[in-house]
Protein backbone atom coordinates (compact mmCIF):
# COMPACT_ATOMS: atom_id res chain seq x y z
CA MET A 1 92.55 132.11 105.59
CA TRP A 2 91.46 129.04 107.55
CA GLN A 3 89.06 128.15 104.71
CA ASP A 4 91.98 127.93 102.30
CA ILE A 5 94.02 125.83 104.72
CA SER A 6 91.14 123.44 105.33
CA LEU A 7 90.45 123.28 101.58
CA PHE A 8 94.10 122.38 100.99
CA ILE A 9 93.99 119.67 103.65
CA VAL A 10 90.76 118.17 102.26
CA SER A 11 92.14 118.21 98.72
CA LEU A 12 95.37 116.52 99.86
CA LEU A 13 93.37 113.83 101.65
CA ALA A 14 91.21 113.22 98.58
CA ALA A 15 94.34 113.00 96.42
CA PHE A 16 95.98 110.59 98.88
CA VAL A 17 92.93 108.33 98.95
CA TYR A 18 92.83 108.40 95.15
CA VAL A 19 96.49 107.35 94.93
CA LEU A 20 95.79 104.48 97.34
CA ARG A 21 92.92 103.41 95.13
CA VAL A 22 95.19 103.47 92.07
CA PHE A 23 97.79 101.32 93.86
CA GLU A 24 95.15 98.72 94.65
CA ASN A 25 94.11 98.53 91.01
CA ASN A 26 95.72 95.50 89.36
CA GLU A 27 95.78 96.74 85.78
CA HIS A 28 98.67 99.18 86.33
CA LYS A 29 100.96 97.01 88.46
CA SER A 30 102.81 95.66 85.45
CA ASN A 31 103.86 99.06 84.13
CA ARG A 32 105.47 101.23 86.80
CA ALA A 33 105.65 104.38 84.64
CA SER A 34 101.96 104.16 83.88
CA LEU A 35 101.20 103.76 87.58
CA ILE A 36 103.23 106.83 88.53
CA ARG A 37 101.76 108.90 85.69
CA ARG A 38 98.20 107.90 86.57
CA SER A 39 98.82 108.65 90.26
CA ILE A 40 100.15 112.15 89.52
CA ILE A 41 97.43 113.04 87.03
CA GLY A 42 94.72 111.61 89.29
CA SER A 43 95.89 113.41 92.40
CA ILE A 44 96.08 116.73 90.57
CA GLY A 45 92.64 116.13 89.09
CA SER A 46 91.30 115.27 92.51
CA MET A 47 92.70 118.44 94.06
CA ILE A 48 91.33 120.59 91.24
CA SER A 49 87.89 119.04 91.44
CA VAL A 50 87.81 119.64 95.21
CA ALA A 51 88.72 123.30 94.76
CA ILE A 52 86.25 123.91 91.94
CA THR A 53 83.41 122.20 93.80
CA PHE A 54 84.17 124.09 97.01
CA TYR A 55 84.18 127.49 95.34
CA LEU A 56 81.05 126.72 93.35
CA LEU A 57 79.20 125.67 96.47
CA GLN A 58 80.52 128.61 98.48
CA TYR A 59 79.97 131.47 96.10
CA ILE A 60 77.09 130.38 93.91
CA PHE A 61 74.95 128.34 96.30
CA ASN A 62 76.05 130.03 99.56
CA THR A 63 76.42 126.77 101.47
CA PRO A 64 78.12 126.73 104.89
CA VAL A 65 81.88 126.17 104.82
CA LYS A 66 81.86 122.80 106.56
CA LEU A 67 79.15 121.42 104.29
CA ALA A 68 80.93 122.74 101.20
CA LEU A 69 84.18 121.10 102.35
CA ALA A 70 82.45 117.78 102.97
CA ILE A 71 80.72 117.76 99.59
CA ALA A 72 83.88 118.92 97.80
CA GLY A 73 85.89 116.14 99.44
CA GLY A 74 83.37 113.57 98.25
CA VAL A 75 83.41 114.98 94.74
CA GLY A 76 87.21 114.97 94.78
CA TYR A 77 87.24 111.32 95.79
CA MET A 78 84.60 110.21 93.30
CA GLY A 79 85.49 112.58 90.47
CA ALA A 80 89.24 112.05 90.41
CA ASP A 81 89.01 108.99 88.21
CA ILE A 82 86.88 110.79 85.65
CA VAL A 83 89.15 113.84 85.63
CA SER A 84 92.27 111.69 85.27
CA ARG A 85 90.81 109.76 82.34
CA LEU A 86 89.91 112.99 80.56
CA ALA A 87 93.37 114.45 81.24
CA GLU A 88 95.09 111.32 79.93
CA LYS A 89 93.03 111.45 76.74
CA LEU A 90 93.82 115.14 76.27
CA ILE A 91 97.54 114.62 76.85
CA ALA A 92 97.59 111.65 74.46
CA GLN A 93 95.85 113.73 71.80
CA LEU A 94 98.31 116.59 72.25
CA ILE A 95 101.27 114.23 72.05
CA ASP A 96 99.88 112.61 68.90
CA LYS A 97 99.20 116.01 67.38
CA TYR A 98 102.72 117.31 67.94
CA THR A 99 104.54 114.09 67.06
CA ARG A 100 102.80 113.83 63.68
CA SER A 101 103.87 117.34 62.68
């Protein structure tokens, strides 16, 4: 139970730091909707990458909980941008696919 709570806290912190990083980025300040969309997609991607990394480290590699949380938090911070870019491309492709039909 405490592992899930600590995983949730670490994923929220990684998502919060990612959103702060997005706000500092100058390319999205002109378009507010794009900034909000990128923040939501990035924070969700960050939380998912933290959870996936934690469970992979815990169950496949049998790492200690604290080490797995630390590594997962780092991956969530560094991997959120990559996950958000992939999600934006996928959503754009789905929107294009369904609007053409």
